[in-house]
Amino acid sequence: MRGGGVAGIVIALVAVAACGVSTPDRIAVPTPTPDLTPVTVKVGHVASTQWAPLYVAIERGYFQRLDVNVQLQAVRLGQDPIDLLSRGQIDVVLTDFSATMFNGLAAGDKFAVAGSMAAIPADGGMPVELEVARPLLDQGKVKTLADLKGRKIAIEGGSGSGSGYLASLALQGSGVGLADMTVIDLAATSMEEAFKIGSIDAALAPAPYAMTMEKDGVSVARGAPPSGTTWSGVLYGDKLGGSAGLRFFQALVRGARDLTGPDRTSDDTLAILSKYTGVSPDVLKTMPPYDWDQALKPDPTALVGLQTSYRAVGLLKYAANLPASHITNTTYSKRAASALR
C-alpha cells in the first residue's frame, strides 16, 4: 500500500526527532517530539507538472495522514511569489529560483530554500528544449548556436527566471550567452505564433509546446539543459517550522518517491496531474516526465549556477554569490529521508 500507515509514520518521526541538524536562524528548528496537532499550510504555486510530488501527496492522502491541511493558492499573473511569502500571505511556495529570490535573500528577507523540485531526467527525454526557427536553419543563417548572437530568444519569465538559467545552460559551450542576445519574456503558449511571424529566432520551450512547434515545422530543437539540472524548489516562510514544517516535507517527499520508474507516467499519476494542471491525460502521455531527487534535498550546485547566470546579465544587486549554507535549510529533507527509509 502506498504511503504506509499513520502509526509507522509517527514511529519514524520519533526515531528521527533526536537527530541534531544545524539550521539557519530564519527558520524555526523542528520540535524534538512528533506533535501531530492539526495544522493548515498555505501553499503558493503556478499549476505545473514540475510540482507533481505536491499534487500526488495531496491526492493520495499523505498530508492528511499527518494532520496537515494543504490550502493551495494559485499565484496569479503579476503576483510575486517571493513577496507573498515574505509578507506571510503564504507559508510555502513551489517556484523557480529567480533573481528576485536571490536578491530578497541577500537583503535579509525571512525565508529559506527547503528543497528542490523537478530535475531534467537522465533517460534522454527532454521536457524543456532550446528551439531555433526552422527558416533560419533551412536558409543557412544559423548553422550552429554561435550564430544566434545578436538574435532574439523567447524565455518565459525572461533572463531572471529559472527558465533563463536553463536557456543559459542549453547555450553553454557555444560561445554565445543570453547577454549576447535580445531576451523576450514570452509565455510558452505564444511562442509558436511568434516563430510564425518571425518576431523571435529561438526559444526555451517546455513540452508540450516544443513538441507541437516541431511537429508544425516552425522550429527545430538544437539544445537542452544537461540531465540532473534543477532550477526550482520549495521555499519555507519563517512562520513554518517545527513539526508542521517536518510533516509537510515528509508528505512531499513521499509524493516524490511515488514518481519513480513506470509510476511517473501511470494512468493514476496522469489523472492527478491533469486535475491540477488542466492538461489532458492524452497530452501528458506525450510529454517527457521530469525526475525528482528522492529526498527533494536542496541542490547547492544549482544555487551557485543560478546566481552565476543572473550575474552574467546584471540582475543581482549584491557582490559575492550567497553560499548554499546561508540560504538553505536542509533539516527537513534530511529528516524526511530518514523517516521514510
Protein backbone atom coordinates (compact mmCIF):
# COMPACT_ATOMS: atom_id res chain seq x y z
CA MET A 1 0.00 0.00 0.00
CA ARG A 2 1.36 3.43 -0.92
CA GLY A 3 2.39 5.62 1.97
CA GLY A 4 2.20 3.10 4.82
CA GLY A 5 0.09 3.63 7.93
CA VAL A 6 -0.14 6.52 10.36
CA ALA A 7 1.47 4.50 13.13
CA GLY A 8 4.51 3.79 11.01
CA ILE A 9 4.90 7.46 10.15
CA VAL A 10 4.63 8.52 13.79
CA ILE A 11 7.23 5.93 14.84
CA ALA A 12 9.53 7.17 12.12
CA LEU A 13 9.09 10.74 13.27
CA VAL A 14 10.01 9.73 16.82
CA ALA A 15 13.07 7.89 15.57
CA VAL A 16 14.46 10.87 13.72
CA ALA A 17 13.44 13.56 16.20
CA ALA A 18 16.63 13.26 18.18
CA CYS A 19 18.90 13.78 15.15
CA GLY A 20 20.53 17.16 15.57
CA VAL A 21 20.94 19.14 12.35
CA SER A 22 22.08 22.76 12.19
CA THR A 23 19.68 25.19 10.55
CA PRO A 24 19.65 28.91 9.72
CA ASP A 25 18.14 31.27 12.31
CA ARG A 26 15.49 32.36 9.83
CA ILE A 27 13.59 29.05 10.10
CA ALA A 28 12.34 27.51 13.33
CA VAL A 29 14.05 24.25 14.35
CA PRO A 30 11.75 21.20 14.18
CA THR A 31 10.45 20.15 17.58
CA PRO A 32 12.16 17.20 19.28
CA THR A 33 8.93 15.20 19.56
CA PRO A 34 6.30 14.42 16.90
CA ASP A 35 3.50 16.91 17.51
CA LEU A 36 0.61 15.81 15.32
CA THR A 37 -1.61 18.76 16.16
CA PRO A 38 -3.71 19.53 13.05
CA VAL A 39 -2.20 22.37 11.04
CA THR A 40 -3.12 24.30 7.90
CA VAL A 41 -0.36 25.19 5.46
CA LYS A 42 -0.99 27.73 2.68
CA VAL A 43 0.96 26.72 -0.42
CA GLY A 44 1.53 29.03 -3.38
CA HIS A 45 2.01 27.56 -6.86
CA VAL A 46 1.51 28.12 -10.55
CA ALA A 47 -0.01 24.88 -11.86
CA SER A 48 2.75 22.80 -13.46
CA THR A 49 3.88 19.21 -13.76
CA GLN A 50 7.09 20.39 -12.06
CA TRP A 51 5.18 20.21 -8.77
CA ALA A 52 3.87 16.67 -9.29
CA PRO A 53 5.05 15.48 -5.82
CA LEU A 54 2.75 18.07 -4.21
CA TYR A 55 -0.30 17.05 -6.22
CA VAL A 56 0.36 13.33 -5.75
CA ALA A 57 0.80 13.77 -1.99
CA ILE A 58 -2.50 15.65 -1.76
CA GLU A 59 -4.49 13.15 -3.80
CA ARG A 60 -3.03 10.07 -2.13
CA GLY A 61 -3.71 11.39 1.34
CA TYR A 62 -0.11 11.75 2.54
CA PHE A 63 -0.70 15.19 4.05
CA GLN A 64 -3.99 14.13 5.59
CA ARG A 65 -2.36 11.16 7.35
CA LEU A 66 -0.02 13.58 9.09
CA ASP A 67 -2.83 16.02 10.03
CA VAL A 68 -1.62 18.64 7.55
CA ASN A 69 -4.36 20.52 5.71
CA VAL A 70 -2.91 21.95 2.49
CA GLN A 71 -4.59 25.06 1.14
CA LEU A 72 -3.41 25.66 -2.43
CA GLN A 73 -3.20 29.28 -3.50
CA ALA A 74 -2.68 29.95 -7.20
CA VAL A 75 -0.09 32.65 -7.85
CA ARG A 76 -1.78 34.88 -10.42
CA LEU A 77 -0.19 36.72 -13.31
CA GLY A 78 1.53 39.81 -11.96
CA GLN A 79 1.89 38.47 -8.42
CA ASP A 80 5.37 37.96 -6.99
CA PRO A 81 5.52 34.65 -5.09
CA ILE A 82 8.56 35.86 -3.15
CA ASP A 83 6.66 38.92 -1.95
CA LEU A 84 3.66 36.78 -0.92
CA LEU A 85 5.97 34.50 1.07
CA SER A 86 7.95 37.33 2.68
CA ARG A 87 4.75 39.06 3.84
CA GLY A 88 3.33 35.85 5.31
CA GLN A 89 0.38 35.58 2.91
CA ILE A 90 1.50 32.03 2.17
CA ASP A 91 3.59 29.61 4.22
CA VAL A 92 5.27 27.73 1.38
CA VAL A 93 5.78 28.39 -2.29
CA LEU A 94 6.86 26.00 -5.03
CA THR A 95 8.57 28.16 -7.61
CA ASP A 96 11.58 28.60 -9.82
CA PHE A 97 14.57 30.22 -8.17
CA SER A 98 14.55 33.67 -9.74
CA ALA A 99 16.93 36.61 -9.49
CA THR A 100 14.25 38.25 -7.32
CA MET A 101 14.53 35.37 -4.86
CA PHE A 102 18.30 35.72 -4.52
CA ASN A 103 18.09 39.50 -4.17
CA GLY A 104 15.49 39.05 -1.43
CA LEU A 105 17.66 36.57 0.46
CA ALA A 106 20.66 38.87 0.16
CA ALA A 107 18.56 41.72 1.57
CA GLY A 108 17.61 39.62 4.60
CA ASP A 109 14.09 38.52 3.69
CA LYS A 110 12.88 35.82 6.08
CA PHE A 111 12.54 32.66 4.03
CA ALA A 112 14.80 29.80 3.02
CA VAL A 113 15.23 27.13 0.38
CA ALA A 114 13.94 23.93 1.98
CA GLY A 115 14.15 21.63 -1.02
CA SER A 116 14.44 21.09 -4.74
CA MET A 117 11.75 20.19 -7.23
CA ALA A 118 11.87 18.99 -10.85
CA ALA A 119 15.11 17.86 -12.48
CA ILE A 120 15.98 17.27 -16.13
CA PRO A 121 15.78 13.47 -16.50
CA ALA A 122 18.72 11.25 -17.31
CA ASP A 123 16.78 8.86 -19.57
CA GLY A 124 17.07 11.06 -22.66
CA GLY A 125 13.58 12.54 -22.52
CA MET A 126 13.67 16.33 -22.75
CA PRO A 127 10.79 18.18 -21.08
CA VAL A 128 12.46 21.52 -22.00
CA GLU A 129 14.33 22.28 -25.22
CA LEU A 130 16.09 25.13 -26.99
CA GLU A 131 14.17 25.66 -30.22
CA VAL A 132 15.52 27.51 -33.26
CA ALA A 133 13.37 28.88 -36.09
CA ARG A 134 13.33 26.38 -38.96
CA PRO A 135 13.65 29.04 -41.71
CA LEU A 136 16.94 30.25 -40.19
CA LEU A 137 18.30 26.71 -40.31
CA ASP A 138 16.94 25.94 -43.78
CA GLN A 139 18.42 29.17 -45.19
CA GLY A 140 21.79 28.53 -43.56
CA LYS A 141 21.60 31.71 -41.49
CA VAL A 142 22.04 29.68 -38.31
CA LYS A 143 24.40 26.73 -38.64
CA THR A 144 25.49 26.50 -35.00
CA LEU A 145 24.23 28.01 -31.78
CA ALA A 146 27.01 30.60 -32.04
CA ASP A 147 25.09 32.08 -34.97
CA LEU A 148 22.32 33.12 -32.57
CA LYS A 149 24.47 36.01 -31.36
CA GLY A 150 22.52 39.25 -31.65
CA ARG A 151 19.26 37.42 -32.31
CA LYS A 152 16.01 37.29 -30.33
CA ILE A 153 15.22 34.48 -27.89
CA ALA A 154 11.93 33.97 -26.08
CA ILE A 155 12.05 32.80 -22.47
CA GLU A 156 9.03 32.59 -20.21
CA GLY A 157 9.95 34.79 -17.26
CA GLY A 158 12.93 36.35 -19.04
CA SER A 159 16.63 36.16 -18.17
CA GLY A 160 16.00 36.40 -14.43
CA SER A 161 13.85 33.27 -14.21
CA GLY A 162 14.66 29.61 -13.78
CA SER A 163 13.90 29.22 -17.47
CA GLY A 164 16.54 31.85 -18.19
CA TYR A 165 19.05 29.73 -16.30
CA LEU A 166 18.04 26.65 -18.32
CA ALA A 167 18.46 28.61 -21.55
CA SER A 168 21.95 29.72 -20.48
CA LEU A 169 22.87 26.07 -19.84
CA ALA A 170 21.47 25.00 -23.20
CA LEU A 171 23.71 27.63 -24.84
CA GLN A 172 26.76 26.75 -22.75
CA GLY A 173 29.85 25.99 -24.79
CA SER A 174 28.50 27.65 -27.92
CA GLY A 175 30.37 30.91 -27.44
CA VAL A 176 27.14 32.87 -27.06
CA GLY A 177 25.13 33.63 -23.93
CA LEU A 178 21.96 35.47 -23.01
CA ALA A 179 23.95 38.71 -22.64
CA ASP A 180 24.73 38.42 -26.37
CA MET A 181 21.06 38.10 -27.36
CA THR A 182 17.83 40.06 -27.06
CA VAL A 183 15.73 38.24 -24.49
CA ILE A 184 11.96 38.48 -24.80
CA ASP A 185 9.73 37.48 -21.88
CA LEU A 186 7.04 35.44 -23.60
CA ALA A 187 4.57 32.81 -22.40
CA ALA A 188 5.10 29.34 -23.83
CA THR A 189 1.58 29.45 -25.26
CA SER A 190 2.59 32.34 -27.54
CA MET A 191 5.94 31.03 -28.77
CA GLU A 192 4.70 29.18 -31.85
CA GLU A 193 2.87 32.22 -33.19
CA ALA A 194 5.96 34.36 -32.51
CA PHE A 195 8.05 31.95 -34.58
CA LYS A 196 5.49 32.01 -37.39
CA ILE A 197 5.50 35.79 -37.72
CA GLY A 198 9.28 35.99 -37.37
CA SER A 199 9.36 38.02 -34.16
CA ILE A 200 11.71 35.55 -32.43
CA ASP A 201 14.62 33.46 -33.67
CA ALA A 202 14.88 30.99 -30.78
CA ALA A 203 13.01 29.96 -27.65
CA LEU A 204 13.45 27.93 -24.50
CA ALA A 205 10.23 25.94 -24.77
CA PRO A 206 8.72 23.33 -22.45
CA ALA A 207 6.68 20.32 -23.52
CA PRO A 208 4.13 20.05 -24.99
CA TYR A 209 4.71 23.38 -26.78
CA ALA A 210 8.17 22.45 -28.07
CA MET A 211 6.83 19.20 -29.48
CA THR A 212 3.92 20.96 -31.20
CA MET A 213 6.20 23.58 -32.77
CA GLU A 214 8.48 20.88 -34.13
CA LYS A 215 5.53 18.89 -35.49
CA ASP A 216 4.15 22.01 -37.18
CA GLY A 217 7.51 22.69 -38.80
CA VAL A 218 8.14 26.11 -37.27
CA SER A 219 11.18 25.21 -35.16
CA VAL A 220 13.83 22.57 -34.56
CA ALA A 221 15.34 21.51 -31.24
CA ARG A 222 19.01 22.47 -31.14
CA GLY A 223 19.91 22.10 -27.47
CA ALA A 224 18.73 21.33 -23.97
CA PRO A 225 19.91 21.71 -20.37
CA PRO A 226 22.03 18.82 -19.07
CA SER A 227 20.42 15.92 -17.22
CA GLY A 228 20.21 16.34 -13.46
CA THR A 229 19.75 20.11 -13.67
CA THR A 230 17.37 21.65 -11.13
CA TRP A 231 16.15 25.24 -11.17
CA SER A 232 13.19 25.33 -8.82
CA GLY A 233 12.08 24.10 -5.44
CA VAL A 234 10.39 24.59 -2.11
CA LEU A 235 10.65 27.84 -0.15
CA TYR A 236 9.59 27.99 3.51
CA GLY A 237 8.48 31.22 5.14
CA ASP A 238 9.79 31.99 8.61
CA LYS A 239 6.49 31.03 10.31
CA LEU A 240 6.55 27.43 9.09
CA GLY A 241 8.78 25.29 11.25
CA GLY A 242 8.70 22.66 13.96
CA SER A 243 6.60 19.58 13.49
CA ALA A 244 4.37 21.29 10.94
CA GLY A 245 7.30 22.00 8.64
CA LEU A 246 8.64 18.48 9.06
CA ARG A 247 5.30 16.81 8.42
CA PHE A 248 4.64 18.92 5.33
CA PHE A 249 8.01 18.00 3.84
CA GLN A 250 7.69 14.33 4.73
CA ALA A 251 4.41 14.08 2.81
CA LEU A 252 6.02 15.94 -0.11
CA VAL A 253 8.94 13.50 -0.19
CA ARG A 254 6.57 10.54 -0.11
CA GLY A 255 4.86 12.01 -3.16
CA ALA A 256 8.22 12.33 -4.93
CA ARG A 257 9.06 8.72 -4.17
CA ASP A 258 5.88 7.62 -5.90
CA LEU A 259 7.15 9.30 -9.07
CA THR A 260 9.84 6.81 -10.00
CA GLY A 261 10.01 4.30 -12.79
CA PRO A 262 6.78 3.49 -14.64
CA ASP A 263 4.68 5.24 -11.99
CA ARG A 264 5.84 8.63 -13.28
CA THR A 265 3.50 8.13 -16.22
CA SER A 266 0.93 5.67 -14.84
CA ASP A 267 -2.74 6.35 -15.61
CA ASP A 268 -3.36 7.24 -11.95
CA THR A 269 -0.49 9.72 -11.87
CA LEU A 270 -1.52 11.33 -15.15
CA ALA A 271 -5.09 11.68 -13.88
CA ILE A 272 -3.80 13.52 -10.81
CA LEU A 273 -1.59 15.83 -12.88
CA SER A 274 -4.44 16.51 -15.27
CA LYS A 275 -6.71 17.50 -12.37
CA TYR A 276 -4.25 20.12 -11.09
CA THR A 277 -2.76 21.41 -14.35
CA GLY A 278 -5.75 21.28 -16.68
CA VAL A 279 -3.69 19.39 -19.29
CA SER A 280 -5.45 16.30 -20.63
CA PRO A 281 -4.02 12.86 -19.79
CA ASP A 282 -3.59 12.17 -23.52
CA VAL A 283 -1.31 15.21 -23.88
CA LEU A 284 0.52 14.41 -20.65
CA LYS A 285 1.29 10.95 -22.03
CA THR A 286 3.27 12.56 -24.85
CA MET A 287 5.33 14.77 -22.52
CA PRO A 288 8.70 13.54 -21.22
CA PRO A 289 8.36 13.43 -17.41
CA TYR A 290 10.69 15.17 -15.00
CA ASP A 291 12.81 13.48 -12.35
CA TRP A 292 12.89 14.37 -8.64
CA ASP A 293 15.53 13.81 -6.01
CA GLN A 294 14.20 11.14 -3.67
CA ALA A 295 14.72 13.38 -0.63
CA LEU A 296 13.96 16.61 -2.50
CA LYS A 297 17.15 17.96 -0.94
CA PRO A 298 18.37 21.43 -1.93
CA ASP A 299 20.81 21.42 -4.85
CA PRO A 300 23.86 23.56 -3.96
CA THR A 301 25.30 23.28 -7.48
CA ALA A 302 22.14 24.76 -8.97
CA LEU A 303 22.09 27.57 -6.39
CA VAL A 304 25.57 28.61 -7.48
CA GLY A 305 24.79 28.20 -11.17
CA LEU A 306 21.58 30.22 -10.97
CA GLN A 307 23.39 33.13 -9.34
CA THR A 308 26.20 32.98 -11.88
CA SER A 309 23.66 33.07 -14.71
CA TYR A 310 21.81 36.07 -13.27
CA ARG A 311 25.04 37.90 -12.50
CA ALA A 312 26.17 37.50 -16.12
CA VAL A 313 23.14 39.53 -17.26
CA GLY A 314 23.44 42.11 -14.47
CA LEU A 315 20.36 41.17 -12.42
CA LEU A 316 21.87 40.63 -8.97
CA LYS A 317 22.10 43.55 -6.54
CA TYR A 318 24.83 42.13 -4.30
CA ALA A 319 28.50 41.40 -4.84
CA ALA A 320 29.54 37.84 -4.00
CA ASN A 321 27.38 34.76 -4.53
CA LEU A 322 25.42 33.68 -1.47
CA PRO A 323 26.73 30.32 -0.18
CA ALA A 324 24.21 27.49 -0.01
CA SER A 325 24.65 27.31 3.76
CA HIS A 326 23.31 30.86 4.03
CA ILE A 327 20.14 30.34 2.03
CA THR A 328 19.11 26.71 2.56
CA ASN A 329 17.61 24.69 5.38
CA THR A 330 18.41 21.01 4.86
CA THR A 331 16.81 19.89 8.12
CA TYR A 332 13.52 18.90 6.57
CA SER A 333 14.83 16.91 3.61
CA LYS A 334 17.30 15.04 5.84
CA ARG A 335 14.72 14.12 8.45
CA ALA A 336 12.07 13.22 5.90
CA ALA A 337 14.55 10.94 4.12
CA SER A 338 15.44 9.25 7.41
CA ALA A 339 11.80 8.79 8.40
CA LEU A 340 10.88 7.18 5.09
CA ARG A 341 13.67 4.59 4.86
